[in-house]
Amino acid sequence: MEMPGPGYAFFGPEERANVEEVLDHWERTRHTYGRPEPASFVHRFEALAGEVFGARHAVTTNSGTSALLTALVAAGIGAGDEVIVPGYTFVASIASVAHLGAVPVLAEIDESLTLDPADVERRITPRTRAVMAVHMLGAPCDLTALRRVTERHGLLLVEDVAQACGGTYEGRALGTFGGLGAFSLNPYKVLTSGDGGFVLTDDPGLHRRAAAFKDHGRYPADGPAGDPLFGLNLRMPELSAAVACAQLAKLDSVLRRTRAVKRRLAAAIPAREGVRRRTLHDAAGECGTLLVHLFDRAGDARAVASALGTTTLRDSGQHYYGNMRQLTAPGGRYAGPALRPGALPRTDDCLARAVALSVGVSDRHLGAGFGTTVHASDTEIDWVAERFTKAVRGVLG
């Protein structure tokens, strides 16, 4: 089973109407040499995103990868700087650091499948500039501990919120805890505009640098120019912004549904020895897009996954550091540690024991090849729970 994220399932007349408005008003472009067009959907989305997530500034980009790159450039990350990232994340988190000539320092995850704050602190050196907290599979990192570490060492916290748009931690939106938060709007995310991304920040200086970098180094015209910045064209197209505006207005509805489906699915799967649920740092704040179980033994996890026609998280695609060989291709700038299994033993162990059931998104690269859909009936959800329970019983007895 392969299906895009839950936002796609909520496409309706609102997205279509916005797209038609763009086609009828081509002159509404956000990108007029730094001068915003208030009627443009790009301008509207940036204003709405700041309001929805409680951030002072938002900067749109053409992808989540571009959002990460923009955030790092805005923060002044450059050649030789070290940025600590988890060994379990999408390849873009690590690649965005490497593209700047900076050094990705891989750190362990724990059974939350997010950064282990204690391991992060062990890997800090005099060259460390930032920590990238990746909220994997719709759930937040331990932001209390990570902020304590970064503040103690004077480091910047950057949040990768690509897989957790709309998630919260202690009642506050993810993406607003660090200096910058980067989001994705690709088809497999909570919300989608076809593709796209955005950056949140409360810092006016970081906002202006981010806005300039994604627009060929042109600073917004409504304020002073900063230092010359070698930028790129990473701007969000107006058509994408039109869809993104309609999607963002549906965020609460999307999350209500994913969380409701996950609650029913979880309640229908009985607890038993030999397997337990993933640790959640804020169960109320996670997005509900995936239900993850960790087995005591990796062999049991692989057998259950095989019975369901899926894989463990360790055996999935480019979210596991050991499967990111393209980062070391000739001509690249990767200068981090070797990307070989065994480099992060605790990460290897957690992922080898983890099986994910999809709720709002099914993606083989996430190891989420079996589960339910966001609009599934109660009968369909219960069937998925029964299949999983039967597979576990067949392996564990």
Protein backbone atom coordinates (compact mmCIF):
# COMPACT_ATOMS: atom_id res chain seq x y z
CA MET A 1 0.00 0.00 0.00
CA GLU A 2 1.35 3.40 -0.98
CA MET A 3 -0.53 6.62 -0.30
CA PRO A 4 0.36 10.27 0.18
CA GLY A 5 -0.05 12.14 3.43
CA PRO A 6 -3.34 13.09 5.08
CA GLY A 7 -3.45 16.59 3.62
CA TYR A 8 -3.89 15.13 0.15
CA ALA A 9 -6.94 13.21 1.36
CA PHE A 10 -8.50 16.52 2.39
CA PHE A 11 -8.19 18.18 -1.03
CA GLY A 12 -11.47 19.82 -2.00
CA PRO A 13 -13.09 22.82 -3.65
CA GLU A 14 -11.08 25.26 -1.52
CA GLU A 15 -7.78 24.27 -3.16
CA ARG A 16 -9.35 24.32 -6.61
CA ALA A 17 -10.86 27.79 -6.08
CA ASN A 18 -7.52 29.21 -4.94
CA VAL A 19 -5.72 27.76 -7.97
CA GLU A 20 -8.32 29.26 -10.29
CA GLU A 21 -7.84 32.63 -8.60
CA VAL A 22 -4.13 32.46 -9.42
CA LEU A 23 -4.87 31.61 -13.04
CA ASP A 24 -7.21 34.60 -13.24
CA HIS A 25 -4.74 37.01 -11.61
CA TRP A 26 -1.27 36.16 -12.89
CA GLU A 27 -0.03 39.67 -12.00
CA ARG A 28 -0.16 38.86 -8.28
CA THR A 29 3.40 37.84 -7.76
CA ARG A 30 5.16 37.87 -4.43
CA HIS A 31 8.54 38.11 -6.12
CA THR A 32 8.92 41.68 -7.35
CA TYR A 33 12.47 42.46 -6.24
CA GLY A 34 11.72 42.14 -2.56
CA ARG A 35 8.45 44.05 -2.65
CA PRO A 36 5.58 41.88 -1.43
CA GLU A 37 2.27 41.87 -3.25
CA PRO A 38 -0.32 41.72 -0.43
CA ALA A 39 -2.89 39.93 -2.60
CA SER A 40 -0.52 37.10 -3.48
CA PHE A 41 -1.05 33.71 -1.92
CA VAL A 42 2.63 33.57 -0.95
CA HIS A 43 2.16 36.71 1.13
CA ARG A 44 -1.10 35.39 2.56
CA PHE A 45 0.44 32.05 3.51
CA GLU A 46 3.37 33.65 5.31
CA ALA A 47 1.00 35.81 7.33
CA LEU A 48 -1.32 32.89 8.09
CA ALA A 49 1.53 30.54 9.06
CA GLY A 50 2.85 33.05 11.56
CA GLU A 51 -0.61 33.38 13.05
CA VAL A 52 -1.38 29.63 13.15
CA PHE A 53 1.93 28.57 14.70
CA GLY A 54 2.53 31.61 16.89
CA ALA A 55 5.69 32.84 15.19
CA ARG A 56 6.55 36.45 14.34
CA HIS A 57 7.89 35.61 10.88
CA ALA A 58 7.45 32.98 8.17
CA VAL A 59 9.41 32.59 4.94
CA THR A 60 8.14 30.32 2.17
CA THR A 61 10.37 28.09 0.04
CA ASN A 62 9.91 25.63 -2.81
CA SER A 63 10.55 22.51 -0.68
CA GLY A 64 11.29 21.27 2.80
CA THR A 65 14.91 20.70 1.82
CA SER A 66 15.13 24.33 0.72
CA ALA A 67 13.59 25.36 4.03
CA LEU A 68 16.34 23.53 5.93
CA LEU A 69 19.06 25.04 3.74
CA THR A 70 17.53 28.50 4.12
CA ALA A 71 17.34 28.15 7.90
CA LEU A 72 20.98 27.10 8.15
CA VAL A 73 22.18 29.93 5.90
CA ALA A 74 20.12 32.44 7.88
CA ALA A 75 21.84 31.16 11.02
CA GLY A 76 25.27 31.72 9.48
CA ILE A 77 26.24 28.04 9.34
CA GLY A 78 29.22 27.60 7.02
CA ALA A 79 32.37 25.69 6.15
CA GLY A 80 33.87 23.79 9.06
CA ASP A 81 30.98 24.38 11.45
CA GLU A 82 29.56 21.27 13.11
CA VAL A 83 25.83 20.61 13.29
CA ILE A 84 24.57 17.67 15.34
CA VAL A 85 21.83 15.70 13.58
CA PRO A 86 20.16 12.35 14.34
CA GLY A 87 21.15 9.20 12.49
CA TYR A 88 17.47 8.58 11.88
CA THR A 89 16.04 11.32 9.67
CA PHE A 90 15.42 11.99 6.00
CA VAL A 91 18.59 12.44 3.97
CA ALA A 92 17.79 16.15 3.45
CA SER A 93 18.50 16.96 7.12
CA ILE A 94 22.08 15.80 6.74
CA ALA A 95 22.52 16.91 3.12
CA SER A 96 21.50 20.50 3.90
CA VAL A 97 24.37 20.73 6.39
CA ALA A 98 26.85 19.13 4.00
CA HIS A 99 25.88 21.40 1.09
CA LEU A 100 27.16 24.39 3.06
CA GLY A 101 30.53 22.77 3.69
CA ALA A 102 29.58 22.29 7.32
CA VAL A 103 30.11 18.97 9.09
CA PRO A 104 27.11 16.81 10.05
CA VAL A 105 27.82 15.08 13.36
CA LEU A 106 25.52 12.08 13.71
CA ALA A 107 24.01 11.36 17.12
CA GLU A 108 22.05 8.46 18.55
CA ILE A 109 18.29 8.24 18.93
CA ASP A 110 16.43 6.52 21.76
CA GLU A 111 13.15 4.60 21.82
CA SER A 112 11.26 7.79 21.00
CA LEU A 113 13.04 7.52 17.62
CA THR A 114 14.26 11.08 18.11
CA LEU A 115 17.55 12.56 19.32
CA ASP A 116 18.96 11.29 22.60
CA PRO A 117 19.87 14.54 24.44
CA ALA A 118 22.60 12.86 26.49
CA ASP A 119 24.34 11.61 23.35
CA VAL A 120 23.98 15.04 21.76
CA GLU A 121 25.86 16.59 24.67
CA ARG A 122 28.62 13.98 24.42
CA ARG A 123 29.25 14.95 20.79
CA ILE A 124 29.63 18.71 21.31
CA THR A 125 33.07 20.12 20.42
CA PRO A 126 34.47 23.67 20.17
CA ARG A 127 33.37 23.63 16.49
CA THR A 128 29.73 22.80 17.20
CA ARG A 129 27.36 25.61 16.15
CA ALA A 130 23.90 24.06 16.15
CA VAL A 131 21.73 21.06 16.98
CA MET A 132 19.03 19.95 14.54
CA ALA A 133 16.06 18.45 16.38
CA VAL A 134 14.09 16.30 13.93
CA HIS A 135 10.54 15.51 15.02
CA MET A 136 10.30 12.08 13.40
CA LEU A 137 7.14 10.25 12.40
CA GLY A 138 4.84 12.99 13.65
CA ALA A 139 6.11 13.14 17.25
CA PRO A 140 8.17 15.77 19.10
CA CYS A 141 11.68 15.40 20.43
CA ASP A 142 12.46 15.87 24.09
CA LEU A 143 12.63 19.63 23.66
CA THR A 144 13.01 20.35 27.36
CA ALA A 145 16.26 18.38 27.52
CA LEU A 146 17.53 19.54 24.12
CA ARG A 147 16.97 23.20 24.95
CA ARG A 148 18.76 22.69 28.24
CA VAL A 149 21.76 21.27 26.36
CA THR A 150 21.86 23.96 23.69
CA GLU A 151 21.46 26.78 26.18
CA ARG A 152 24.16 25.37 28.43
CA HIS A 153 26.63 25.33 25.52
CA GLY A 154 25.47 28.46 23.70
CA LEU A 155 24.27 26.56 20.60
CA LEU A 156 21.49 27.27 18.15
CA LEU A 157 18.56 24.86 18.12
CA VAL A 158 17.09 24.30 14.64
CA GLU A 159 13.89 22.25 14.35
CA ASP A 160 13.15 20.01 11.37
CA VAL A 161 9.36 19.80 11.50
CA ALA A 162 8.90 18.21 8.06
CA GLN A 163 7.05 15.18 9.46
CA ALA A 164 5.21 16.90 12.31
CA CYS A 165 3.47 20.00 10.98
CA GLY A 166 0.86 21.02 13.54
CA GLY A 167 2.37 18.97 16.34
CA THR A 168 2.91 20.56 19.72
CA TYR A 169 5.08 20.15 22.80
CA GLU A 170 3.59 21.18 26.13
CA GLY A 171 0.93 23.10 24.24
CA ARG A 172 3.29 25.09 22.03
CA ALA A 173 3.70 24.59 18.28
CA LEU A 174 6.69 22.62 17.05
CA GLY A 175 8.99 24.82 15.01
CA THR A 176 8.86 27.68 17.54
CA PHE A 177 11.21 26.33 20.22
CA GLY A 178 14.51 26.86 18.41
CA GLY A 179 15.92 29.87 16.62
CA LEU A 180 14.41 28.53 13.39
CA GLY A 181 11.92 25.83 12.39
CA ALA A 182 11.80 24.27 8.92
CA PHE A 183 8.68 22.64 7.46
CA SER A 184 7.81 20.59 4.37
CA LEU A 185 4.65 20.56 2.25
CA ASN A 186 5.46 17.64 -0.04
CA PRO A 187 2.83 14.98 -0.87
CA TYR A 188 3.79 12.68 2.03
CA LYS A 189 3.49 15.27 4.77
CA VAL A 190 0.66 16.30 7.13
CA LEU A 191 -0.27 19.12 4.74
CA THR A 192 0.74 19.36 1.09
CA SER A 193 0.91 21.95 -1.65
CA GLY A 194 2.29 19.45 -4.16
CA ASP A 195 5.68 20.54 -2.88
CA GLY A 196 6.91 23.45 -0.85
CA GLY A 197 8.24 24.43 2.53
CA PHE A 198 8.56 27.30 4.96
CA VAL A 199 10.71 28.58 7.81
CA LEU A 200 9.47 30.06 11.09
CA THR A 201 11.44 32.39 13.35
CA ASP A 202 10.86 35.10 15.93
CA ASP A 203 14.17 36.80 15.17
CA PRO A 204 13.90 39.73 12.70
CA GLY A 205 17.52 39.37 11.62
CA LEU A 206 17.18 35.66 10.88
CA HIS A 207 13.93 36.40 9.05
CA ARG A 208 15.54 38.94 6.73
CA ARG A 209 18.49 36.69 5.96
CA ALA A 210 16.16 33.77 5.22
CA ALA A 211 13.96 35.92 2.98
CA ALA A 212 17.01 37.20 1.12
CA PHE A 213 18.70 33.84 0.66
CA LYS A 214 15.68 32.22 -0.96
CA ASP A 215 15.38 35.19 -3.39
CA HIS A 216 18.87 35.55 -4.92
CA GLY A 217 20.17 37.52 -1.96
CA ARG A 218 17.60 40.31 -2.31
CA TYR A 219 16.53 41.59 1.09
CA PRO A 220 12.86 42.53 1.58
CA ALA A 221 12.26 46.14 0.58
CA ASP A 222 10.35 46.98 3.75
CA GLY A 223 13.49 47.26 5.85
CA PRO A 224 17.23 47.85 5.76
CA ALA A 225 19.47 45.72 3.58
CA GLY A 226 21.82 43.40 5.40
CA ASP A 227 25.29 42.23 4.53
CA PRO A 228 25.62 40.96 0.94
CA LEU A 229 24.29 37.39 0.80
CA PHE A 230 24.90 34.91 -2.00
CA GLY A 231 21.40 33.57 -2.48
CA LEU A 232 19.48 31.14 -4.65
CA ASN A 233 16.04 30.98 -6.22
CA LEU A 234 14.21 28.82 -3.69
CA ARG A 235 10.94 30.76 -3.87
CA MET A 236 7.56 29.09 -3.47
CA PRO A 237 5.50 29.35 -6.68
CA GLU A 238 2.20 31.18 -6.40
CA LEU A 239 0.25 28.07 -7.46
CA SER A 240 1.81 26.07 -4.63
CA ALA A 241 1.04 28.85 -2.18
CA ALA A 242 -2.59 28.86 -3.31
CA VAL A 243 -2.94 25.19 -2.40
CA ALA A 244 -0.93 25.68 0.81
CA CYS A 245 -3.30 28.42 2.03
CA ALA A 246 -6.31 26.14 1.62
CA GLN A 247 -4.48 23.28 3.33
CA LEU A 248 -3.32 25.33 6.30
CA ALA A 249 -6.91 26.34 6.98
CA LYS A 250 -7.69 22.62 7.32
CA LEU A 251 -4.85 21.75 9.70
CA ASP A 252 -7.03 21.30 12.77
CA SER A 253 -9.46 19.08 10.84
CA VAL A 254 -6.65 16.93 9.47
CA LEU A 255 -5.09 16.41 12.89
CA ARG A 256 -8.39 15.68 14.58
CA ARG A 257 -8.92 12.86 12.11
CA THR A 258 -5.42 11.35 12.20
CA ARG A 259 -5.43 11.39 15.99
CA ALA A 260 -8.89 9.82 16.17
CA VAL A 261 -7.91 7.02 13.77
CA LYS A 262 -4.72 6.35 15.69
CA ARG A 263 -6.54 6.26 19.03
CA ARG A 264 -8.96 3.66 17.76
CA LEU A 265 -6.20 1.61 16.14
CA ALA A 266 -4.08 1.67 19.31
CA ALA A 267 -7.02 0.78 21.53
CA ALA A 268 -7.82 -2.26 19.39
CA ILE A 269 -4.31 -3.73 19.75
CA PRO A 270 -3.86 -5.49 23.11
CA ALA A 271 -0.68 -5.06 25.14
CA ARG A 272 1.53 -8.10 25.58
CA GLU A 273 5.03 -9.08 26.60
CA GLY A 274 7.77 -8.83 24.02
CA VAL A 275 6.50 -5.68 22.35
CA ARG A 276 5.69 -2.13 23.47
CA ARG A 277 4.75 1.22 22.02
CA ARG A 278 7.24 3.85 20.99
CA THR A 279 8.09 6.36 23.72
CA LEU A 280 6.32 9.68 23.21
CA HIS A 281 7.59 12.86 24.84
CA ASP A 282 4.18 14.50 24.47
CA ALA A 283 1.43 12.06 23.48
CA ALA A 284 -1.18 14.80 23.25
CA GLY A 285 0.98 16.84 20.90
CA GLU A 286 1.96 14.24 18.34
CA CYS A 287 0.28 14.27 14.91
CA GLY A 288 -1.07 10.71 14.93
CA THR A 289 0.21 9.79 11.47
CA LEU A 290 1.96 6.54 12.50
CA LEU A 291 1.65 3.97 15.29
CA VAL A 292 5.05 2.44 16.08
CA HIS A 293 5.78 -0.71 18.10
CA LEU A 294 9.21 -1.80 19.31
CA PHE A 295 9.85 -5.50 19.87
CA ASP A 296 12.31 -6.92 22.36
CA ARG A 297 14.06 -8.84 19.59
CA ALA A 298 14.94 -7.61 16.10
CA GLY A 299 14.17 -11.00 14.59
CA ASP A 300 10.61 -10.87 15.90
CA ALA A 301 10.11 -7.38 14.48
CA ARG A 302 11.33 -8.46 11.06
CA ALA A 303 9.10 -11.54 11.09
CA VAL A 304 6.01 -9.52 12.01
CA ALA A 305 6.80 -6.90 9.37
CA SER A 306 7.27 -9.59 6.75
CA ALA A 307 3.91 -11.16 7.64
CA LEU A 308 2.26 -7.79 7.02
CA GLY A 309 4.09 -7.14 3.76
CA THR A 310 6.16 -4.28 5.15
CA THR A 311 9.61 -3.79 6.70
CA THR A 312 11.18 -2.70 9.96
CA LEU A 313 12.35 0.90 10.15
CA ARG A 314 15.93 -0.37 9.92
CA ASP A 315 15.21 -2.04 6.60
CA SER A 316 13.43 0.97 5.07
CA GLY A 317 14.85 3.60 2.76
CA GLN A 318 16.65 6.90 3.08
CA HIS A 319 15.77 7.76 6.66
CA TYR A 320 18.44 5.45 8.06
CA TYR A 321 21.98 6.85 7.98
CA GLY A 322 23.39 3.57 6.69
CA ASN A 323 21.34 3.93 3.49
CA MET A 324 22.57 7.41 2.57
CA ARG A 325 25.48 6.43 0.36
CA GLN A 326 24.69 9.17 -2.17
CA LEU A 327 25.95 11.75 0.33
CA THR A 328 29.48 10.49 -0.19
CA ALA A 329 29.31 10.52 -4.00
CA PRO A 330 32.30 12.05 -5.85
CA GLY A 331 32.06 15.82 -6.14
CA GLY A 332 29.95 16.21 -3.02
CA ARG A 333 30.85 18.17 0.12
CA TYR A 334 30.01 15.60 2.77
CA ALA A 335 32.68 15.65 5.49
CA GLY A 336 30.86 13.83 8.26
CA PRO A 337 31.42 10.39 9.80
CA ALA A 338 31.28 7.16 7.82
CA LEU A 339 27.73 6.22 6.86
CA ARG A 340 28.08 2.53 7.65
CA PRO A 341 25.81 0.40 9.84
CA GLY A 342 27.39 0.02 13.24
CA ALA A 343 28.45 3.65 13.59
CA LEU A 344 25.40 4.32 15.80
CA PRO A 345 24.70 1.02 17.58
CA ARG A 346 21.75 2.21 19.64
CA THR A 347 20.09 3.74 16.58
CA ASP A 348 20.67 0.49 14.68
CA ASP A 349 19.11 -1.50 17.50
CA CYS A 350 16.01 0.70 17.93
CA LEU A 351 15.23 0.79 14.23
CA ALA A 352 15.79 -2.96 13.78
CA ARG A 353 13.15 -3.61 16.47
CA ALA A 354 10.59 -1.06 15.21
CA VAL A 355 7.51 -1.71 13.08
CA ALA A 356 5.28 1.18 12.01
CA LEU A 357 1.59 1.04 11.16
CA SER A 358 0.52 3.86 8.86
CA VAL A 359 -2.44 6.05 9.74
CA GLY A 360 -2.29 9.10 7.50
CA VAL A 361 0.66 8.28 5.29
CA SER A 362 2.07 5.12 3.76
CA ASP A 363 5.58 5.34 2.40
CA ARG A 364 7.94 2.40 1.96
CA HIS A 365 10.88 4.73 2.69
CA LEU A 366 9.38 5.24 6.14
CA GLY A 367 8.90 1.52 6.67
CA ALA A 368 5.17 2.24 6.68
CA GLY A 369 3.85 -0.17 4.09
CA PHE A 370 0.91 -1.50 6.10
CA GLY A 371 -1.87 0.29 7.92
CA THR A 372 -5.03 2.27 7.40
CA THR A 373 -6.13 5.45 5.66
CA VAL A 374 -7.14 8.72 7.23
CA HIS A 375 -10.75 8.30 6.08
CA ALA A 376 -11.00 4.61 7.00
CA SER A 377 -14.17 3.31 8.62
CA ASP A 378 -14.13 1.83 12.12
CA THR A 379 -14.47 -1.61 10.54
CA GLU A 380 -11.41 -1.03 8.36
CA ILE A 381 -9.38 0.27 11.30
CA ASP A 382 -10.33 -2.74 13.41
CA TRP A 383 -9.31 -5.06 10.56
CA VAL A 384 -5.83 -3.53 10.51
CA ALA A 385 -5.55 -3.96 14.27
CA GLU A 386 -6.65 -7.59 13.97
CA ARG A 387 -4.11 -8.29 11.23
CA PHE A 388 -1.30 -6.82 13.31
CA THR A 389 -2.38 -8.67 16.45
CA LYS A 390 -2.58 -11.95 14.55
CA ALA A 391 0.90 -11.42 13.06
CA VAL A 392 2.34 -10.71 16.51
CA ARG A 393 0.65 -13.78 17.95
CA GLY A 394 2.02 -15.89 15.12
CA VAL A 395 5.57 -14.79 15.88
CA LEU A 396 5.56 -14.44 19.67
CA GLY A 397 3.09 -17.24 20.35
